Protein backbone atom coordinates (compact mmCIF):
# COMPACT_ATOMS: atom_id res chain seq x y z
CA MET A 1 -1.15 42.33 22.93
CA ALA A 2 0.36 42.45 26.40
CA PHE A 3 1.75 40.04 28.93
CA PHE A 4 -0.32 39.21 32.02
CA ARG A 5 0.74 37.34 35.12
CA TYR A 6 -1.79 35.09 36.80
CA LYS A 7 -2.43 32.86 39.78
CA ALA A 8 -4.88 30.02 39.39
CA VAL A 9 -6.01 26.78 41.01
CA THR A 10 -5.84 23.51 39.09
CA PRO A 11 -8.63 20.90 39.32
CA GLU A 12 -6.41 19.07 41.83
CA GLY A 13 -6.40 22.12 44.11
CA LYS A 14 -2.80 23.16 43.42
CA VAL A 15 -1.92 26.85 43.13
CA VAL A 16 -0.01 27.68 39.94
CA GLU A 17 1.50 30.88 38.61
CA GLY A 18 2.46 31.87 35.10
CA THR A 19 2.43 34.43 32.30
CA LEU A 20 0.15 34.64 29.28
CA GLU A 21 0.10 36.99 26.30
CA ALA A 22 -3.38 38.31 25.54
CA SER A 23 -5.29 41.41 24.49
CA ASP A 24 -6.82 42.05 27.92
CA GLN A 25 -7.56 40.43 31.28
CA ASP A 26 -10.86 38.94 30.09
CA ALA A 27 -9.01 37.00 27.41
CA VAL A 28 -6.63 35.62 30.05
CA LEU A 29 -9.57 34.57 32.24
CA ALA A 30 -11.27 32.83 29.30
CA ARG A 31 -8.10 30.96 28.35
CA LEU A 32 -7.49 29.78 31.92
CA GLN A 33 -11.07 28.56 32.23
CA GLU A 34 -10.73 26.69 28.94
CA GLN A 35 -7.72 24.92 30.45
CA GLY A 36 -9.84 23.86 33.43
CA GLN A 37 -8.07 26.21 35.85
CA LEU A 38 -9.79 28.52 38.33
CA PRO A 39 -8.29 32.03 38.02
CA ILE A 40 -7.63 33.74 41.33
CA LYS A 41 -5.66 36.82 40.32
CA VAL A 42 -4.73 38.32 36.95
CA PHE A 43 -2.59 41.43 36.65
CA SER A 44 -0.47 43.10 33.98
CA GLY A 45 3.27 42.57 33.91
CA GLU A 46 3.86 46.28 34.59
CA ASP A 47 2.17 45.96 37.99
CA THR A 48 4.78 43.60 39.44
CA GLY A 49 8.42 43.49 40.16
CA GLY A 50 9.03 47.19 40.73
CA LEU A 51 10.32 48.43 44.03
CA LEU A 52 7.84 51.29 44.13
CA SER A 53 4.93 48.93 43.54
CA ARG A 54 5.69 46.92 46.67
CA GLU A 55 4.30 47.83 50.02
CA ILE A 56 7.05 48.58 52.55
CA ARG A 57 6.28 47.50 56.09
CA LEU A 58 8.30 48.59 59.09
CA PRO A 59 9.32 45.91 61.63
CA TRP A 60 6.60 46.87 64.11
CA GLN A 61 3.96 46.66 61.35
CA ARG A 62 4.66 43.03 60.40
CA LYS A 63 1.96 41.75 62.76
CA LYS A 64 -0.75 43.87 61.16
CA VAL A 65 -3.02 43.14 58.23
CA PRO A 66 -3.67 46.19 56.04
CA GLN A 67 -7.18 46.68 54.69
CA LYS A 68 -5.86 46.07 51.18
CA ASP A 69 -4.68 42.57 52.14
CA LEU A 70 -8.00 41.85 53.85
CA LEU A 71 -9.80 42.93 50.68
CA ILE A 72 -7.65 40.64 48.52
CA PHE A 73 -8.26 37.73 50.93
CA THR A 74 -12.03 38.31 50.76
CA GLN A 75 -11.98 38.56 46.96
CA GLU A 76 -10.06 35.31 46.60
CA LEU A 77 -12.17 33.47 49.19
CA SER A 78 -15.35 34.66 47.45
CA THR A 79 -14.03 33.45 44.10
CA LEU A 80 -13.15 30.01 45.44
CA VAL A 81 -16.43 29.53 47.33
CA LYS A 82 -18.53 30.63 44.33
CA ALA A 83 -16.56 28.19 42.18
CA GLY A 84 -17.84 25.34 44.34
CA LEU A 85 -14.77 24.58 46.45
CA THR A 86 -15.44 23.57 50.03
CA LEU A 87 -14.56 26.04 52.75
CA ASP A 88 -11.64 24.04 54.15
CA ARG A 89 -10.19 23.49 50.68
CA SER A 90 -10.57 27.20 49.89
CA LEU A 91 -8.74 28.17 53.07
CA SER A 92 -6.05 25.60 52.31
CA VAL A 93 -5.48 27.23 48.93
CA LEU A 94 -5.43 30.74 50.44
CA SER A 95 -2.93 29.77 53.13
CA ASP A 96 -0.44 29.15 50.30
CA LEU A 97 -1.63 32.02 48.15
CA THR A 98 -1.64 34.86 50.71
CA GLU A 99 1.46 37.06 50.40
CA ASN A 100 1.13 38.71 53.82
CA ALA A 101 3.01 36.37 56.19
CA TYR A 102 0.92 37.22 59.24
CA LEU A 103 -2.36 36.84 57.34
CA ALA A 104 -1.16 33.50 55.96
CA GLU A 105 -0.52 32.40 59.54
CA VAL A 106 -4.03 33.50 60.56
CA VAL A 107 -5.58 31.68 57.58
CA GLY A 108 -3.74 28.53 58.65
CA GLU A 109 -5.24 28.86 62.13
CA LEU A 110 -8.69 29.39 60.60
CA LEU A 111 -8.24 26.19 58.60
CA ARG A 112 -7.34 24.20 61.71
CA GLU A 113 -10.35 25.59 63.60
CA ILE A 114 -12.70 24.83 60.68
CA LYS A 115 -11.43 21.26 60.53
CA GLY A 116 -11.96 21.07 64.30
CA GLY A 117 -15.68 21.67 63.82
CA LYS A 118 -16.00 25.44 64.31
CA ALA A 119 -18.11 27.63 62.06
CA LEU A 120 -16.25 30.20 59.96
CA SER A 121 -17.73 33.14 61.87
CA GLU A 122 -16.70 31.59 65.18
CA ALA A 123 -13.17 31.07 63.87
CA LEU A 124 -13.01 34.64 62.54
CA SER A 125 -14.13 36.06 65.90
CA THR A 126 -10.97 34.65 67.54
CA HIS A 127 -8.90 37.10 65.45
CA PRO A 128 -10.48 40.53 66.12
CA GLN A 129 -7.22 42.27 65.21
CA VAL A 130 -7.70 41.07 61.62
CA PHE A 131 -11.44 40.65 61.12
CA PRO A 132 -13.64 43.48 62.50
CA LYS A 133 -17.01 42.77 64.09
CA VAL A 134 -18.84 43.90 60.96
CA TYR A 135 -16.99 41.26 58.97
CA VAL A 136 -17.71 38.51 61.51
CA ASN A 137 -21.41 39.33 61.85
CA MET A 138 -21.97 39.44 58.11
CA VAL A 139 -20.33 36.02 57.73
CA ARG A 140 -22.48 34.71 60.60
CA ALA A 141 -25.63 35.98 58.86
CA GLY A 142 -24.51 34.26 55.66
CA GLU A 143 -23.99 30.98 57.49
CA VAL A 144 -27.43 31.17 59.08
CA GLY A 145 -29.11 31.96 55.75
CA GLY A 146 -27.05 29.45 53.79
CA ALA A 147 -25.76 32.18 51.48
CA LEU A 148 -22.08 32.50 52.41
CA ASP A 149 -21.03 33.06 48.78
CA GLN A 150 -23.42 36.02 48.46
CA ILE A 151 -22.30 37.50 51.79
CA LEU A 152 -18.64 37.25 50.77
CA GLU A 153 -19.49 39.08 47.56
CA ARG A 154 -21.20 41.86 49.55
CA LEU A 155 -18.22 41.99 51.91
CA GLU A 156 -15.98 42.36 48.90
CA GLU A 157 -18.05 45.28 47.62
CA TYR A 158 -18.12 46.86 51.08
CA LEU A 159 -14.34 46.62 51.52
CA GLU A 160 -13.73 47.84 47.97
CA GLY A 161 -15.84 50.92 48.57
CA ALA A 162 -14.13 51.69 51.86
CA ASP A 163 -10.66 51.11 50.40
CA GLU A 164 -11.36 53.27 47.35
CA LEU A 165 -12.54 56.16 49.51
CA ARG A 166 -9.60 55.82 51.91
CA SER A 167 -7.10 55.70 49.03
CA TYR A 168 -8.68 58.79 47.47
CA LEU A 169 -8.44 60.72 50.75
CA ILE A 170 -4.78 59.79 51.20
CA SER A 171 -3.76 60.57 47.62
CA SER A 172 -5.58 63.91 47.73
CA MET A 173 -3.69 65.05 50.83
CA ILE A 174 -0.20 63.97 49.72
CA TYR A 175 0.60 67.13 47.74
CA PRO A 176 -0.61 69.62 50.40
CA CYS A 177 1.43 67.72 53.02
CA ILE A 178 4.53 67.88 50.82
CA LEU A 179 3.99 71.62 50.40
CA VAL A 180 3.78 72.11 54.17
CA VAL A 181 6.95 70.08 54.79
CA VAL A 182 8.87 71.98 52.08
CA ALA A 183 7.64 75.32 53.41
CA ILE A 184 8.63 74.56 57.00
CA GLY A 185 11.99 73.13 55.87
CA SER A 186 12.76 76.19 53.74
CA ILE A 187 11.95 78.60 56.58
CA ILE A 188 14.05 76.62 59.07
CA ILE A 189 17.06 76.55 56.71
CA MET A 190 16.86 80.30 56.09
CA MET A 191 16.48 81.08 59.80
CA THR A 192 19.29 78.79 60.97
CA VAL A 193 21.80 79.02 58.09
CA VAL A 194 21.28 82.15 55.99
CA ILE A 195 20.13 84.79 58.49
CA PRO A 196 22.92 84.22 61.10
CA GLN A 197 25.55 85.07 58.46
CA PHE A 198 24.24 88.63 58.31
CA ALA A 199 25.27 89.21 61.93
CA ASP A 200 28.91 88.63 60.95
CA ILE A 201 28.53 90.82 57.86
CA PHE A 202 27.26 93.82 59.85
CA GLU A 203 29.81 93.28 62.59
CA ASN A 204 32.72 93.28 60.09
CA ALA A 205 31.32 96.30 58.28
CA GLY A 206 30.73 98.21 61.53
CA ALA A 207 27.31 99.19 60.30
CA PRO A 208 24.11 99.40 62.37
CA VAL A 209 21.66 96.55 61.92
CA PRO A 210 18.33 97.66 60.37
CA LEU A 211 15.18 96.92 62.35
CA PRO A 212 13.80 94.21 59.98
CA MET A 213 17.10 92.31 60.09
CA MET A 214 17.30 92.82 63.85
CA VAL A 215 13.91 91.11 64.24
CA LEU A 216 15.03 88.21 62.03
CA LEU A 217 18.30 87.87 63.94
CA VAL A 218 16.45 87.72 67.26
CA LEU A 219 14.12 85.04 65.91
CA SER A 220 17.04 83.15 64.40
CA GLY A 221 18.97 83.32 67.67
CA PHE A 222 15.99 82.03 69.62
CA LEU A 223 15.46 79.20 67.10
CA THR A 224 19.09 78.08 67.12
CA GLY A 225 19.66 78.60 70.85
CA PHE A 226 16.38 77.27 72.22
CA TRP A 227 15.39 74.66 69.61
CA TRP A 228 15.13 72.12 72.40
CA LEU A 229 12.59 74.31 74.21
CA ILE A 230 10.53 74.63 71.02
CA LEU A 231 10.54 70.85 70.55
CA LEU A 232 9.65 70.41 74.21
CA VAL A 233 6.67 72.77 73.92
CA ILE A 234 5.48 71.09 70.70
CA GLY A 235 5.94 67.60 72.19
CA GLY A 236 4.22 68.59 75.44
CA GLY A 237 1.31 70.14 73.57
CA ALA A 238 0.96 67.07 71.36
CA TYR A 239 1.03 64.79 74.39
CA TRP A 240 -1.59 66.91 76.19
CA ILE A 241 -3.88 66.80 73.14
CA TYR A 242 -3.29 63.04 72.78
CA SER A 243 -4.09 62.41 76.45
CA ARG A 244 -7.24 64.52 76.17
CA LEU A 245 -8.35 62.61 73.09
CA LYS A 246 -7.90 59.34 74.96
CA THR A 247 -10.65 60.38 77.38
CA GLU A 248 -14.27 60.00 76.35
CA GLU A 249 -15.19 63.60 77.18
CA GLY A 250 -12.12 65.06 75.48
CA ARG A 251 -12.65 63.09 72.27
CA LEU A 252 -16.34 64.01 72.23
CA ASN A 253 -15.61 67.73 72.59
CA TRP A 254 -12.85 67.56 69.97
CA ASP A 255 -15.10 65.84 67.42
CA ARG A 256 -17.91 68.32 68.07
CA GLN A 257 -15.57 71.22 67.37
CA LEU A 258 -14.32 69.55 64.17
CA LEU A 259 -17.87 69.34 62.83
CA LYS A 260 -18.30 73.10 63.43
CA LEU A 261 -15.29 74.08 61.28
CA PRO A 262 -16.34 76.04 58.14
CA VAL A 263 -15.10 73.73 55.36
CA VAL A 264 -13.56 70.75 57.15
CA GLY A 265 -16.73 70.15 59.19
CA SER A 266 -18.84 69.64 56.07
CA VAL A 267 -16.28 67.20 54.63
CA LEU A 268 -16.16 65.20 57.88
CA GLN A 269 -19.96 65.03 58.07
CA LYS A 270 -20.19 63.70 54.51
CA LEU A 271 -17.49 61.15 55.28
CA GLU A 272 -19.31 59.85 58.36
CA VAL A 273 -22.71 59.82 56.61
CA SER A 274 -21.17 57.75 53.81
CA ARG A 275 -19.52 55.35 56.27
CA PHE A 276 -22.70 55.06 58.36
CA SER A 277 -24.94 54.45 55.33
CA ARG A 278 -22.66 51.95 53.60
CA THR A 279 -22.08 49.90 56.74
CA LEU A 280 -25.71 49.86 57.86
CA GLY A 281 -26.99 49.18 54.34
CA THR A 282 -24.56 46.28 53.83
CA LEU A 283 -25.48 44.76 57.20
CA LEU A 284 -29.22 45.01 56.56
CA GLN A 285 -28.74 43.58 53.07
CA SER A 286 -26.93 40.66 54.71
CA SER A 287 -29.95 40.00 57.00
CA VAL A 288 -28.26 41.25 60.18
CA PRO A 289 -30.99 42.54 62.58
CA LEU A 290 -31.42 46.31 62.68
CA ILE A 291 -30.60 46.78 66.40
CA GLN A 292 -27.49 44.64 66.08
CA SER A 293 -26.52 46.54 62.95
CA ILE A 294 -26.77 49.89 64.74
CA ASN A 295 -24.53 48.57 67.52
CA LEU A 296 -21.94 47.58 64.90
CA VAL A 297 -22.22 50.92 63.10
CA LYS A 298 -21.42 52.68 66.37
CA GLU A 299 -18.02 50.99 66.35
CA ILE A 300 -17.38 51.95 62.71
CA VAL A 301 -18.19 55.66 63.00
CA GLU A 302 -15.01 57.46 64.08
CA ASN A 303 -16.51 60.84 65.00
CA GLN A 304 -17.71 60.39 68.57
CA ALA A 305 -20.14 63.31 68.31
CA ILE A 306 -22.04 61.22 65.73
CA ALA A 307 -21.37 57.85 67.40
CA SER A 308 -22.86 59.18 70.65
CA THR A 309 -26.24 59.54 68.92
CA MET A 310 -26.45 55.80 68.16
CA GLU A 311 -28.05 55.01 71.54
CA SER A 312 -30.88 57.50 70.98
CA ILE A 313 -31.38 56.14 67.44
CA LYS A 314 -31.49 52.59 68.75
CA SER A 315 -33.95 53.64 71.46
CA GLY A 316 -36.23 55.22 68.85
CA VAL A 317 -36.14 52.08 66.73
CA LYS A 318 -37.09 49.96 69.74
CA LYS A 319 -40.07 52.25 70.38
CA GLY A 320 -41.31 51.63 66.85
CA GLU A 321 -40.46 55.08 65.50
CA GLY A 322 -38.60 53.64 62.53
CA LEU A 323 -35.13 54.83 61.53
CA THR A 324 -35.73 58.16 59.82
CA ARG A 325 -37.30 59.98 62.77
CA PRO A 326 -34.58 59.14 65.35
CA ILE A 327 -31.85 60.06 62.83
CA ARG A 328 -33.61 63.36 62.06
CA GLU A 329 -33.80 64.16 65.78
CA ALA A 330 -30.11 63.26 66.17
CA GLU A 331 -29.29 65.85 63.46
CA ILE A 332 -26.48 63.80 61.92
CA PHE A 333 -27.90 63.43 58.37
CA PRO A 334 -28.23 66.32 55.89
CA PRO A 335 -31.79 66.99 54.59
CA PHE A 336 -31.21 65.24 51.25
CA ALA A 337 -30.03 62.03 52.95
CA LEU A 338 -33.02 62.15 55.32
CA HIS A 339 -35.38 62.42 52.37
CA LEU A 340 -33.84 59.36 50.68
CA LEU A 341 -33.93 57.47 53.98
CA ALA A 342 -37.65 58.21 54.39
CA VAL A 343 -38.32 57.01 50.84
CA GLY A 344 -36.43 53.82 51.58
CA GLU A 345 -38.55 53.11 54.65
CA GLU A 346 -41.78 53.87 52.81
CA THR A 347 -40.95 51.56 49.91
CA GLY A 348 -39.48 48.78 52.05
CA ARG A 349 -36.08 49.15 50.39
CA LEU A 350 -34.15 50.65 53.28
CA ASP A 351 -30.97 48.64 52.64
CA ASP A 352 -30.79 49.61 48.96
CA MET A 353 -31.53 53.25 49.73
CA LEU A 354 -28.79 53.38 52.39
CA LEU A 355 -26.29 52.11 49.83
CA GLN A 356 -27.52 54.72 47.34
CA ILE A 357 -27.01 57.40 50.01
CA ALA A 358 -23.46 56.11 50.55
CA ASP A 359 -22.70 56.21 46.81
CA SER A 360 -24.17 59.69 46.48
CA TYR A 361 -22.19 61.10 49.39
CA ASP A 362 -19.01 59.36 48.24
CA ARG A 363 -19.26 61.35 45.01
CA ASP A 364 -20.15 64.53 46.88
CA LEU A 365 -17.29 63.92 49.31
CA LYS A 366 -14.78 63.62 46.48
CA ARG A 367 -15.98 66.91 45.01
CA SER A 368 -15.71 68.58 48.42
CA ILE A 369 -12.18 67.24 48.90
CA GLN A 370 -11.21 68.52 45.46
CA ARG A 371 -12.47 71.98 46.42
CA LEU A 372 -10.69 71.79 49.80
CA VAL A 373 -7.39 70.77 48.20
CA ALA A 374 -7.82 73.44 45.54
CA LEU A 375 -8.16 75.96 48.38
CA LEU A 376 -5.33 74.55 50.52
CA GLU A 377 -2.64 74.44 47.84
CA PRO A 378 -2.64 78.16 46.88
CA ALA A 379 -3.14 79.14 50.53
CA ILE A 380 -0.03 77.20 51.59
CA ILE A 381 1.97 78.60 48.66
CA LEU A 382 0.77 82.14 49.44
CA VAL A 383 1.69 81.92 53.14
CA MET A 384 5.07 80.38 52.35
CA GLY A 385 5.71 83.03 49.70
CA LEU A 386 4.83 85.87 52.07
CA ILE A 387 7.10 84.58 54.84
CA ILE A 388 10.07 83.90 52.59
CA GLY A 389 9.38 87.12 50.66
CA VAL A 390 9.56 89.17 53.87
CA MET A 391 12.87 87.47 54.72
CA VAL A 392 14.34 88.13 51.25
CA VAL A 393 13.19 91.78 51.25
CA SER A 394 14.68 92.26 54.73
CA MET A 395 17.99 90.79 53.57
CA LEU A 396 18.09 92.98 50.45
CA TYR A 397 17.22 96.08 52.48
CA SER A 398 20.01 95.25 54.91
CA ILE A 399 22.54 94.75 52.09
CA PHE A 400 21.61 98.10 50.55
CA SER A 401 21.87 99.81 53.96
CA ILE A 402 25.51 98.68 54.22
CA ASN A 403 26.32 100.58 51.01
CA ASP A 404 24.95 103.75 52.62
CA VAL A 405 27.49 103.58 55.47
CA PRO A 406 30.16 106.33 55.00
CA LEU A 407 33.70 105.04 54.51
């Protein structure tokens, strides 16, 4: 038995919180439903209260809504709507339930606009910084088809898939990034603190400085004396790259070169194929027209080399060529994905097949990232070991050379 915290809505529409002891979350849900309460969130006691479990937001991030908060909002709204609560009552509950202060403020504005006679999609479109166009158009399709509860459920699945993939990418790169930071920090400390002390040692001993130590001393002197120039060059280079990426041509060329990289290019292609397929499949499943869906996908795809092909794909669809042929000519899908796409068109299950492609490439992407990380970690350790090893050997050689100096 374990303790679980919960948030639920009473039959009167009041949000309540509490703690229950049960064997698992399903038992908590069953007990709450027996009490006539609508469970919104159930989580174990270990998941709350700790400092490390809380998301830390810097002051300039307070006016942003993370994807995780948007996912939670969608899950809770879907639960309330499927339970039969009216839209305005559901939003009223969520305005009190949402922990993100800015999102709670936005939900309050949505509630006022809904009560003023606006449709939910129209109200969502007034907050593009929170709700992307894909979100708004799927809700609009659900309103037109009278299936808002089903659309919210698909939105929940879409956001869950995107959040899971994003979280996996971030967690996979944490350790290599820590290794790089430690390696750079170790080299800087040795070059600025340890190596300069050898200059005084040789000067006091009146001994000649060996060539390896002379090279290290020159590098150390340049690093300590012209650190500002190094930072200026790095900052200037970063600004030049940033300004180039802000231009359409520069970003296009950059993304094209990324796709040509030996290992990284394959990972990026799989990532974009997954994002393209999941977004387009979810939109089509939500009855959003194909041309409109392609326009929305263009905004989701981050690699501009792939996004630039959307116009030619859309043109091919308008000509009646279907979807597979324009995508094959654009050369953005691997052969296996193209085969599945063609099967989807032939069987009339294009939306389902696109989602299957996304699931397949999500799994393939995770395997590729595992191989990439497995390659990066020893490579970083090897390079760091070689650099520090050369420094240590040079220092030992210099120390031994002092003992050879005649008294």
